Amino acid sequence: MTIVVTGATGHLGRLAIESLLAKGVPAGEIVGLGRQVEKIADLGITVKQVSYDDVDSLTDAFRGADKVLFISGSEVGKRIQQHTNVVTAAKSAGVGLVVYTSAPKADTTDMKLAGEHLFTERLLADSGLPHTILRNSWYIENYNVPQALEHGLFGASGTGKISASPRADYAEAAASVLVGEGHAGKVYELGGEPFTMDELAAEISRQSGKAVTYIDLPEAKYTELLVGVGLPQAAAEIFADSDRAASQGALFVPRDQLESLLGHPVTPLATSIGAALA
């Protein structure tokens, strides 16, 4: 069996490969695709330098693949064409199963960030390829704990619950799907231990011994703040919109499906904060 991991040189991709290896998949059966291949040269797997912009190189890399972990691209605004290239290549190469990392509640949410993910889910459905959708909620790493100690936490999510888990939890879940059976056609809503931003601030305060507060802002003001710290306007608007959606419950996802794929509880918030402070 050959498993191909796209986006393998990113944080989630590397963790997924490490989890596959930990589950006993031989290194010779794993192929990692990415742009900065030196980042995974130490894993002992086959590594290929491939971009989502190059459909021909993707097709070549997918040939002979039984399963592909399709990690969504990171360039918001470019993903429709890039993801079309990936699906086209997978279909041309005759991939047996595509496992795609999507966004929470992609088919029902009004969160702007989910638009390209929903497009990709529909693209996969129309392609006829056997596929599995992993709708990953937030990564706890989205929150910079050392920065929060210095400046506090800011956002526009109000008292909305956010079901976040470390990337490692989502990577392990993806690996479980890749080594398991019976996942084709399934859509999994995956989320970790839920918390509000006030609760996140309180946990950082408890463990650090330093008072950390959360300042909730109107969406437009949060957009201005993000632009002020260097984010492009379009990216700032998407991040602020995600917080607006979170305030209305868009990022609250029960943890049961993630725990089912993991075979153990999700990583507790307290553990994640402790690791970030270490």
C-alpha atoms as a PDB file:
ATOM      1  CA  MET A   1       0.000   0.000   0.000  1.00  0.00           C
ATOM      2  CA  THR A   2       1.209   3.500  -0.825  1.00  0.00           C
ATOM      3  CA  ILE A   3       0.002   6.541   1.117  1.00  0.00           C
ATOM      4  CA  VAL A   4       0.720  10.003  -0.270  1.00  0.00           C
ATOM      5  CA  VAL A   5       0.578  13.039   2.020  1.00  0.00           C
ATOM      6  CA  THR A   6       0.250  16.433   0.340  1.00  0.00           C
ATOM      7  CA  GLY A   7       1.356  19.556   2.167  1.00  0.00           C
ATOM      8  CA  ALA A   8       3.772  17.243   3.960  1.00  0.00           C
ATOM      9  CA  THR A   9       6.297  19.969   4.682  1.00  0.00           C
ATOM     10  CA  GLY A  10       3.792  21.943   6.780  1.00  0.00           C
ATOM     11  CA  HIS A  11       3.080  21.412  10.473  1.00  0.00           C
ATOM     12  CA  LEU A  12       0.017  19.178  10.036  1.00  0.00           C
ATOM     13  CA  GLY A  13       1.556  17.162   7.207  1.00  0.00           C
ATOM     14  CA  ARG A  14       4.689  16.316   9.135  1.00  0.00           C
ATOM     15  CA  LEU A  15       2.654  15.303  12.190  1.00  0.00           C
ATOM     16  CA  ALA A  16       0.444  13.079  10.023  1.00  0.00           C
ATOM     17  CA  ILE A  17       3.502  11.291   8.628  1.00  0.00           C
ATOM     18  CA  GLU A  18       4.935  10.840  12.116  1.00  0.00           C
ATOM     19  CA  SER A  19       1.597   9.368  13.214  1.00  0.00           C
ATOM     20  CA  LEU A  20       1.517   6.979  10.235  1.00  0.00           C
ATOM     21  CA  LEU A  21       4.996   5.779  11.142  1.00  0.00           C
ATOM     22  CA  ALA A  22       3.961   5.377  14.790  1.00  0.00           C
ATOM     23  CA  LYS A  23       1.014   3.245  13.662  1.00  0.00           C
ATOM     24  CA  GLY A  24       3.413   0.876  11.907  1.00  0.00           C
ATOM     25  CA  VAL A  25       3.167   2.022   8.292  1.00  0.00           C
ATOM     26  CA  PRO A  26       6.585   1.273   6.731  1.00  0.00           C
ATOM     27  CA  ALA A  27       8.494   4.404   5.672  1.00  0.00           C
ATOM     28  CA  GLY A  28       8.825   2.889   2.205  1.00  0.00           C
ATOM     29  CA  GLU A  29       5.058   3.038   1.757  1.00  0.00           C
ATOM     30  CA  ILE A  30       4.759   6.771   2.515  1.00  0.00           C
ATOM     31  CA  VAL A  31       5.348   9.580   0.026  1.00  0.00           C
ATOM     32  CA  GLY A  32       5.483  13.182   1.241  1.00  0.00           C
ATOM     33  CA  LEU A  33       4.785  16.034  -1.182  1.00  0.00           C
ATOM     34  CA  GLY A  34       5.617  19.669  -0.558  1.00  0.00           C
ATOM     35  CA  ARG A  35       7.604  22.703  -1.545  1.00  0.00           C
ATOM     36  CA  GLN A  36      10.250  22.849   1.207  1.00  0.00           C
ATOM     37  CA  VAL A  37      11.244  19.186   1.141  1.00  0.00           C
ATOM     38  CA  GLU A  38      14.257  19.682   3.399  1.00  0.00           C
ATOM     39  CA  LYS A  39      11.809  19.995   6.308  1.00  0.00           C
ATOM     40  CA  ILE A  40      10.901  16.289   6.126  1.00  0.00           C
ATOM     41  CA  ALA A  41      14.158  14.853   4.822  1.00  0.00           C
ATOM     42  CA  ASP A  42      14.820  13.280   8.244  1.00  0.00           C
ATOM     43  CA  LEU A  43      11.692  11.082   8.267  1.00  0.00           C
ATOM     44  CA  GLY A  44      13.071   8.336   6.029  1.00  0.00           C
ATOM     45  CA  ILE A  45      10.143   8.438   3.602  1.00  0.00           C
ATOM     46  CA  THR A  46      10.061   9.154  -0.125  1.00  0.00           C
ATOM     47  CA  VAL A  47       9.968  12.921  -0.611  1.00  0.00           C
ATOM     48  CA  LYS A  48       8.926  14.781  -3.774  1.00  0.00           C
ATOM     49  CA  GLN A  49       8.976  18.519  -4.395  1.00  0.00           C
ATOM     50  CA  VAL A  50       5.504  19.306  -5.709  1.00  0.00           C
ATOM     51  CA  SER A  51       3.317  22.425  -5.821  1.00  0.00           C
ATOM     52  CA  TYR A  52      -0.481  22.582  -5.878  1.00  0.00           C
ATOM     53  CA  ASP A  53      -0.079  24.889  -8.877  1.00  0.00           C
ATOM     54  CA  ASP A  54       1.416  22.113 -11.058  1.00  0.00           C
ATOM     55  CA  VAL A  55      -1.244  19.570 -12.045  1.00  0.00           C
ATOM     56  CA  ASP A  56       1.190  17.467 -14.094  1.00  0.00           C
ATOM     57  CA  SER A  57       3.654  16.981 -11.228  1.00  0.00           C
ATOM     58  CA  LEU A  58       0.739  16.167  -8.915  1.00  0.00           C
ATOM     59  CA  THR A  59      -0.523  13.527 -11.342  1.00  0.00           C
ATOM     60  CA  ASP A  60       2.916  11.940 -11.552  1.00  0.00           C
ATOM     61  CA  ALA A  61       3.280  11.965  -7.766  1.00  0.00           C
ATOM     62  CA  PHE A  62      -0.151  10.349  -7.265  1.00  0.00           C
ATOM     63  CA  ARG A  63       0.427   7.441  -9.662  1.00  0.00           C
ATOM     64  CA  GLY A  64       0.285   4.163  -7.768  1.00  0.00           C
ATOM     65  CA  ALA A  65      -1.170   5.783  -4.654  1.00  0.00           C
ATOM     66  CA  ASP A  66      -3.753   3.750  -2.797  1.00  0.00           C
ATOM     67  CA  LYS A  67      -4.649   6.643  -0.494  1.00  0.00           C
ATOM     68  CA  VAL A  68      -3.936  10.385  -0.471  1.00  0.00           C
ATOM     69  CA  LEU A  69      -4.133  12.685   2.534  1.00  0.00           C
ATOM     70  CA  PHE A  70      -5.099  15.951   0.841  1.00  0.00           C
ATOM     71  CA  ILE A  71      -4.195  18.731   3.250  1.00  0.00           C
ATOM     72  CA  SER A  72      -5.893  21.937   2.179  1.00  0.00           C
ATOM     73  CA  GLY A  73      -3.700  24.681   0.768  1.00  0.00           C
ATOM     74  CA  SER A  74      -2.697  27.596   2.960  1.00  0.00           C
ATOM     75  CA  GLU A  75      -3.083  30.375   0.377  1.00  0.00           C
ATOM     76  CA  VAL A  76      -6.606  31.676   0.914  1.00  0.00           C
ATOM     77  CA  GLY A  77      -7.958  33.037  -2.351  1.00  0.00           C
ATOM     78  CA  LYS A  78      -5.867  30.694  -4.490  1.00  0.00           C
ATOM     79  CA  ARG A  79      -7.281  27.419  -3.236  1.00  0.00           C
ATOM     80  CA  ILE A  80     -10.079  26.960  -5.773  1.00  0.00           C
ATOM     81  CA  GLN A  81      -7.638  26.513  -8.648  1.00  0.00           C
ATOM     82  CA  GLN A  82      -5.059  24.708  -6.518  1.00  0.00           C
ATOM     83  CA  HIS A  83      -7.596  22.253  -5.105  1.00  0.00           C
ATOM     84  CA  THR A  84      -9.051  21.699  -8.569  1.00  0.00           C
ATOM     85  CA  ASN A  85      -5.548  20.712  -9.670  1.00  0.00           C
ATOM     86  CA  VAL A  86      -5.239  18.212  -6.814  1.00  0.00           C
ATOM     87  CA  VAL A  87      -8.601  16.568  -7.496  1.00  0.00           C
ATOM     88  CA  THR A  88      -7.976  16.480 -11.249  1.00  0.00           C
ATOM     89  CA  ALA A  89      -4.595  14.844 -10.669  1.00  0.00           C
ATOM     90  CA  ALA A  90      -5.992  12.314  -8.195  1.00  0.00           C
ATOM     91  CA  LYS A  91      -8.704  11.300 -10.645  1.00  0.00           C
ATOM     92  CA  SER A  92      -6.237  11.027 -13.549  1.00  0.00           C
ATOM     93  CA  ALA A  93      -3.907   8.894 -11.423  1.00  0.00           C
ATOM     94  CA  GLY A  94      -6.695   6.588 -10.226  1.00  0.00           C
ATOM     95  CA  VAL A  95      -6.193   7.195  -6.504  1.00  0.00           C
ATOM     96  CA  GLY A  96      -8.138   4.723  -4.353  1.00  0.00           C
ATOM     97  CA  LEU A  97      -9.163   7.120  -1.538  1.00  0.00           C
ATOM     98  CA  VAL A  98      -8.748  10.859  -0.969  1.00  0.00           C
ATOM     99  CA  VAL A  99      -8.909  12.101   2.633  1.00  0.00           C
ATOM    100  CA  TYR A 100      -9.453  15.880   2.666  1.00  0.00           C
ATOM    101  CA  THR A 101      -8.966  18.306   5.569  1.00  0.00           C
ATOM    102  CA  SER A 102     -11.898  20.715   5.459  1.00  0.00           C
ATOM    103  CA  ALA A 103     -13.471  23.339   7.746  1.00  0.00           C
ATOM    104  CA  PRO A 104     -16.024  22.845  10.533  1.00  0.00           C
ATOM    105  CA  LYS A 105     -19.649  22.669   9.384  1.00  0.00           C
ATOM    106  CA  ALA A 106     -18.508  23.586   5.867  1.00  0.00           C
ATOM    107  CA  ASP A 107     -21.906  22.861   4.307  1.00  0.00           C
ATOM    108  CA  THR A 108     -23.961  24.955   6.740  1.00  0.00           C
ATOM    109  CA  THR A 109     -21.725  27.717   8.144  1.00  0.00           C
ATOM    110  CA  ASP A 110     -21.648  31.294   6.855  1.00  0.00           C
ATOM    111  CA  MET A 111     -17.985  31.625   7.856  1.00  0.00           C
ATOM    112  CA  LYS A 112     -16.089  33.064   4.873  1.00  0.00           C
ATOM    113  CA  LEU A 113     -13.105  30.799   5.507  1.00  0.00           C
ATOM    114  CA  ALA A 114     -15.246  27.749   4.723  1.00  0.00           C
ATOM    115  CA  GLY A 115     -16.161  28.780   1.170  1.00  0.00           C
ATOM    116  CA  GLU A 116     -13.150  27.262  -0.570  1.00  0.00           C
ATOM    117  CA  HIS A 117     -13.473  24.139   1.566  1.00  0.00           C
ATOM    118  CA  LEU A 118     -17.106  23.637   0.577  1.00  0.00           C
ATOM    119  CA  PHE A 119     -16.115  24.104  -3.063  1.00  0.00           C
ATOM    120  CA  THR A 120     -13.514  21.355  -2.624  1.00  0.00           C
ATOM    121  CA  GLU A 121     -15.949  19.000  -0.902  1.00  0.00           C
ATOM    122  CA  ARG A 122     -18.354  19.405  -3.836  1.00  0.00           C
ATOM    123  CA  LEU A 123     -15.490  18.977  -6.296  1.00  0.00           C
ATOM    124  CA  LEU A 124     -14.601  15.663  -4.694  1.00  0.00           C
ATOM    125  CA  ALA A 125     -18.234  14.543  -4.720  1.00  0.00           C
ATOM    126  CA  ASP A 126     -18.578  15.400  -8.414  1.00  0.00           C
ATOM    127  CA  SER A 127     -15.285  13.670  -9.286  1.00  0.00           C
ATOM    128  CA  GLY A 128     -16.561  10.222  -8.343  1.00  0.00           C
ATOM    129  CA  LEU A 129     -13.380   9.585  -6.338  1.00  0.00           C
ATOM    130  CA  PRO A 130     -13.852   7.634  -3.104  1.00  0.00           C
ATOM    131  CA  HIS A 131     -13.198  10.215  -0.420  1.00  0.00           C
ATOM    132  CA  THR A 132     -13.443  11.069   3.263  1.00  0.00           C
ATOM    133  CA  ILE A 133     -13.960  14.575   4.657  1.00  0.00           C
ATOM    134  CA  LEU A 134     -12.242  15.599   7.897  1.00  0.00           C
ATOM    135  CA  ARG A 135     -13.777  18.894   9.013  1.00  0.00           C
ATOM    136  CA  ASN A 136     -11.098  20.051  11.428  1.00  0.00           C
ATOM    137  CA  SER A 137     -12.074  22.740  13.904  1.00  0.00           C
ATOM    138  CA  TRP A 138      -9.506  25.219  15.253  1.00  0.00           C
ATOM    139  CA  TYR A 139      -5.938  24.321  16.164  1.00  0.00           C
ATOM    140  CA  ILE A 140      -4.950  25.398  19.674  1.00  0.00           C
ATOM    141  CA  GLU A 141      -1.714  26.611  18.074  1.00  0.00           C
ATOM    142  CA  ASN A 142      -3.783  29.397  16.459  1.00  0.00           C
ATOM    143  CA  TYR A 143      -3.413  31.141  19.829  1.00  0.00           C
ATOM    144  CA  ASN A 144       0.053  32.492  20.615  1.00  0.00           C
ATOM    145  CA  VAL A 145       0.403  31.915  24.346  1.00  0.00           C
ATOM    146  CA  PRO A 146       3.735  33.754  24.878  1.00  0.00           C
ATOM    147  CA  GLN A 147       2.291  36.738  22.993  1.00  0.00           C
ATOM    148  CA  ALA A 148      -0.837  36.585  25.155  1.00  0.00           C
ATOM    149  CA  LEU A 149       1.347  36.867  28.255  1.00  0.00           C
ATOM    150  CA  GLU A 150       2.783  40.117  26.904  1.00  0.00           C
ATOM    151  CA  HIS A 151      -0.243  41.751  25.333  1.00  0.00           C
ATOM    152  CA  GLY A 152      -3.369  39.833  26.372  1.00  0.00           C
ATOM    153  CA  LEU A 153      -5.876  38.196  24.047  1.00  0.00           C
ATOM    154  CA  PHE A 154      -8.017  40.050  21.513  1.00  0.00           C
ATOM    155  CA  GLY A 155     -10.818  38.900  19.251  1.00  0.00           C
ATOM    156  CA  ALA A 156     -14.453  39.179  18.284  1.00  0.00           C
ATOM    157  CA  SER A 157     -15.784  35.779  19.362  1.00  0.00           C
ATOM    158  CA  GLY A 158     -17.696  37.001  22.421  1.00  0.00           C
ATOM    159  CA  THR A 159     -18.737  34.105  24.616  1.00  0.00           C
ATOM    160  CA  GLY A 160     -18.824  31.604  21.756  1.00  0.00           C
ATOM    161  CA  LYS A 161     -17.375  28.182  22.521  1.00  0.00           C
ATOM    162  CA  ILE A 162     -14.363  27.187  20.409  1.00  0.00           C
ATOM    163  CA  SER A 163     -13.592  23.480  20.091  1.00  0.00           C
ATOM    164  CA  ALA A 164      -9.832  23.486  19.607  1.00  0.00           C
ATOM    165  CA  SER A 165      -7.242  20.723  19.805  1.00  0.00           C
ATOM    166  CA  PRO A 166      -3.524  20.531  19.002  1.00  0.00           C
ATOM    167  CA  ARG A 167      -2.596  19.789  15.396  1.00  0.00           C
ATOM    168  CA  ALA A 168      -1.234  16.462  16.626  1.00  0.00           C
ATOM    169  CA  ASP A 169      -4.759  15.286  17.525  1.00  0.00           C
ATOM    170  CA  TYR A 170      -6.071  16.047  14.030  1.00  0.00           C
ATOM    171  CA  ALA A 171      -2.987  14.487  12.437  1.00  0.00           C
ATOM    172  CA  GLU A 172      -3.448  11.287  14.434  1.00  0.00           C
ATOM    173  CA  ALA A 173      -7.127  11.165  13.453  1.00  0.00           C
ATOM    174  CA  ALA A 174      -6.179  11.521   9.786  1.00  0.00           C
ATOM    175  CA  ALA A 175      -3.633   8.712  10.137  1.00  0.00           C
ATOM    176  CA  SER A 176      -6.290   6.503  11.735  1.00  0.00           C
ATOM    177  CA  VAL A 177      -8.529   7.019   8.708  1.00  0.00           C
ATOM    178  CA  LEU A 178      -5.666   6.283   6.308  1.00  0.00           C
ATOM    179  CA  VAL A 179      -4.725   2.996   7.971  1.00  0.00           C
ATOM    180  CA  GLY A 180      -8.324   1.971   8.681  1.00  0.00           C
ATOM    181  CA  GLU A 181     -11.185   0.717   6.552  1.00  0.00           C
ATOM    182  CA  GLY A 182     -14.769   1.760   5.965  1.00  0.00           C
ATOM    183  CA  HIS A 183     -14.195   5.516   5.920  1.00  0.00           C
ATOM    184  CA  ALA A 184     -15.044   6.216   2.260  1.00  0.00           C
ATOM    185  CA  GLY A 185     -18.101   8.438   1.959  1.00  0.00           C
ATOM    186  CA  LYS A 186     -17.886   9.602   5.577  1.00  0.00           C
ATOM    187  CA  VAL A 187     -17.836  13.203   6.808  1.00  0.00           C
ATOM    188  CA  TYR A 188     -16.326  13.698  10.249  1.00  0.00           C
ATOM    189  CA  GLU A 189     -16.825  16.869  12.320  1.00  0.00           C
ATOM    190  CA  LEU A 190     -13.720  17.033  14.490  1.00  0.00           C
ATOM    191  CA  GLY A 191     -13.237  19.273  17.507  1.00  0.00           C
ATOM    192  CA  GLY A 192     -11.383  19.294  20.805  1.00  0.00           C
ATOM    193  CA  GLU A 193     -12.170  20.527  24.317  1.00  0.00           C
ATOM    194  CA  PRO A 194     -14.419  23.609  23.973  1.00  0.00           C
ATOM    195  CA  PHE A 195     -13.629  26.913  25.671  1.00  0.00           C
ATOM    196  CA  THR A 196     -14.512  30.582  25.463  1.00  0.00           C
ATOM    197  CA  MET A 197     -11.765  33.156  25.038  1.00  0.00           C
ATOM    198  CA  ASP A 198     -12.307  34.258  28.637  1.00  0.00           C
ATOM    199  CA  GLU A 199     -11.739  30.659  29.718  1.00  0.00           C
ATOM    200  CA  LEU A 200      -8.595  30.473  27.604  1.00  0.00           C
ATOM    201  CA  ALA A 201      -7.296  33.652  29.235  1.00  0.00           C
ATOM    202  CA  ALA A 202      -8.115  32.256  32.682  1.00  0.00           C
ATOM    203  CA  GLU A 203      -6.213  29.012  31.996  1.00  0.00           C
ATOM    204  CA  ILE A 204      -3.144  30.884  30.746  1.00  0.00           C
ATOM    205  CA  SER A 205      -3.339  33.076  33.853  1.00  0.00           C
ATOM    206  CA  ARG A 206      -3.665  30.066  36.167  1.00  0.00           C
ATOM    207  CA  GLN A 207      -0.674  28.261  34.770  1.00  0.00           C
ATOM    208  CA  SER A 208       1.596  31.251  34.211  1.00  0.00           C
ATOM    209  CA  GLY A 209       0.806  33.152  37.394  1.00  0.00           C
ATOM    210  CA  LYS A 210       0.406  36.295  35.295  1.00  0.00           C
ATOM    211  CA  ALA A 211      -2.978  37.948  34.772  1.00  0.00           C
ATOM    212  CA  VAL A 212      -4.089  37.621  31.155  1.00  0.00           C
ATOM    213  CA  THR A 213      -7.330  39.200  29.966  1.00  0.00           C
ATOM    214  CA  TYR A 214      -9.413  38.812  26.836  1.00  0.00           C
ATOM    215  CA  ILE A 215     -10.619  41.993  25.118  1.00  0.00           C
ATOM    216  CA  ASP A 216     -13.657  41.429  22.913  1.00  0.00           C
ATOM    217  CA  LEU A 217     -13.983  43.829  19.997  1.00  0.00           C
ATOM    218  CA  PRO A 218     -16.552  44.516  17.290  1.00  0.00           C
ATOM    219  CA  GLU A 219     -15.663  42.677  14.087  1.00  0.00           C
ATOM    220  CA  ALA A 220     -14.627  45.854  12.273  1.00  0.00           C
ATOM    221  CA  LYS A 221     -12.365  46.968  15.132  1.00  0.00           C
ATOM    222  CA  TYR A 222     -10.746  43.534  15.288  1.00  0.00           C
ATOM    223  CA  THR A 223     -10.105  43.734  11.548  1.00  0.00           C
ATOM    224  CA  GLU A 224      -8.399  47.101  12.080  1.00  0.00           C
ATOM    225  CA  LEU A 225      -6.259  45.651  14.864  1.00  0.00           C
ATOM    226  CA  LEU A 226      -5.129  42.730  12.691  1.00  0.00           C
ATOM    227  CA  VAL A 227      -4.239  45.063   9.830  1.00  0.00           C
ATOM    228  CA  GLY A 228      -2.350  47.216  12.334  1.00  0.00           C
ATOM    229  CA  VAL A 229      -0.120  44.291  13.337  1.00  0.00           C
ATOM    230  CA  GLY A 230       0.726  43.501   9.729  1.00  0.00           C
ATOM    231  CA  LEU A 231      -1.943  41.236   8.255  1.00  0.00           C
ATOM    232  CA  PRO A 232      -3.142  42.011   4.715  1.00  0.00           C
ATOM    233  CA  GLN A 233      -6.638  43.508   4.659  1.00  0.00           C
ATOM    234  CA  ALA A 234      -8.228  40.453   3.004  1.00  0.00           C
ATOM    235  CA  ALA A 235      -6.705  38.031   5.516  1.00  0.00           C
ATOM    236  CA  ALA A 236      -7.663  40.254   8.446  1.00  0.00           C
ATOM    237  CA  GLU A 237     -11.263  40.345   7.258  1.00  0.00           C
ATOM    238  CA  ILE A 238     -11.397  36.563   7.010  1.00  0.00           C
ATOM    239  CA  PHE A 239      -9.920  36.058  10.491  1.00  0.00           C
ATOM    240  CA  ALA A 240     -12.267  38.627  12.023  1.00  0.00           C
ATOM    241  CA  ASP A 241     -15.227  37.041  10.238  1.00  0.00           C
ATOM    242  CA  SER A 242     -14.214  33.662  11.687  1.00  0.00           C
ATOM    243  CA  ASP A 243     -14.361  35.183  15.162  1.00  0.00           C
ATOM    244  CA  ARG A 244     -17.754  36.701  14.371  1.00  0.00           C
ATOM    245  CA  ALA A 245     -18.961  33.259  13.319  1.00  0.00           C
ATOM    246  CA  ALA A 246     -17.439  31.695  16.435  1.00  0.00           C
ATOM    247  CA  SER A 247     -19.506  34.075  18.570  1.00  0.00           C
ATOM    248  CA  GLN A 248     -22.572  32.461  16.977  1.00  0.00           C
ATOM    249  CA  GLY A 249     -21.437  28.875  17.575  1.00  0.00           C
ATOM    250  CA  ALA A 250     -19.656  28.122  14.291  1.00  0.00           C
ATOM    251  CA  LEU A 251     -16.565  26.676  16.010  1.00  0.00           C
ATOM    252  CA  PHE A 252     -18.329  24.596  18.647  1.00  0.00           C
ATOM    253  CA  VAL A 253     -17.998  20.956  17.593  1.00  0.00           C
ATOM    254  CA  PRO A 254     -18.670  17.992  19.901  1.00  0.00           C
ATOM    255  CA  ARG A 255     -15.483  16.046  20.578  1.00  0.00           C
ATOM    256  CA  ASP A 256     -16.996  12.567  20.167  1.00  0.00           C
ATOM    257  CA  GLN A 257     -16.031  11.964  16.526  1.00  0.00           C
ATOM    258  CA  LEU A 258     -12.438  13.091  17.058  1.00  0.00           C
ATOM    259  CA  GLU A 259     -12.145  10.884  20.139  1.00  0.00           C
ATOM    260  CA  SER A 260     -13.640   7.964  18.214  1.00  0.00           C
ATOM    261  CA  LEU A 261     -10.979   8.251  15.505  1.00  0.00           C
ATOM    262  CA  LEU A 262      -8.235   8.757  18.085  1.00  0.00           C
ATOM    263  CA  GLY A 263      -9.333   5.897  20.301  1.00  0.00           C
ATOM    264  CA  HIS A 264      -8.599   8.080  23.340  1.00  0.00           C
ATOM    265  CA  PRO A 265      -9.645  11.466  24.784  1.00  0.00           C
ATOM    266  CA  VAL A 266      -8.657  14.674  23.028  1.00  0.00           C
ATOM    267  CA  THR A 267      -5.755  16.613  24.505  1.00  0.00           C
ATOM    268  CA  PRO A 268      -7.065  18.724  27.417  1.00  0.00           C
ATOM    269  CA  LEU A 269      -6.811  22.490  27.141  1.00  0.00           C
ATOM    270  CA  ALA A 270      -4.714  22.594  30.320  1.00  0.00           C
ATOM    271  CA  THR A 271      -2.175  20.205  28.771  1.00  0.00           C
ATOM    272  CA  SER A 272      -1.929  22.294  25.599  1.00  0.00           C
ATOM    273  CA  ILE A 273      -1.383  25.518  27.563  1.00  0.00           C
ATOM    274  CA  GLY A 274       1.218  23.817  29.742  1.00  0.00           C
ATOM    275  CA  ALA A 275       3.113  22.696  26.653  1.00  0.00           C
ATOM    276  CA  ALA A 276       2.982  26.206  25.169  1.00  0.00           C
ATOM    277  CA  LEU A 277       4.357  27.700  28.397  1.00  0.00           C
ATOM    278  CA  ALA A 278       7.118  25.094  28.805  1.00  0.00           C
END
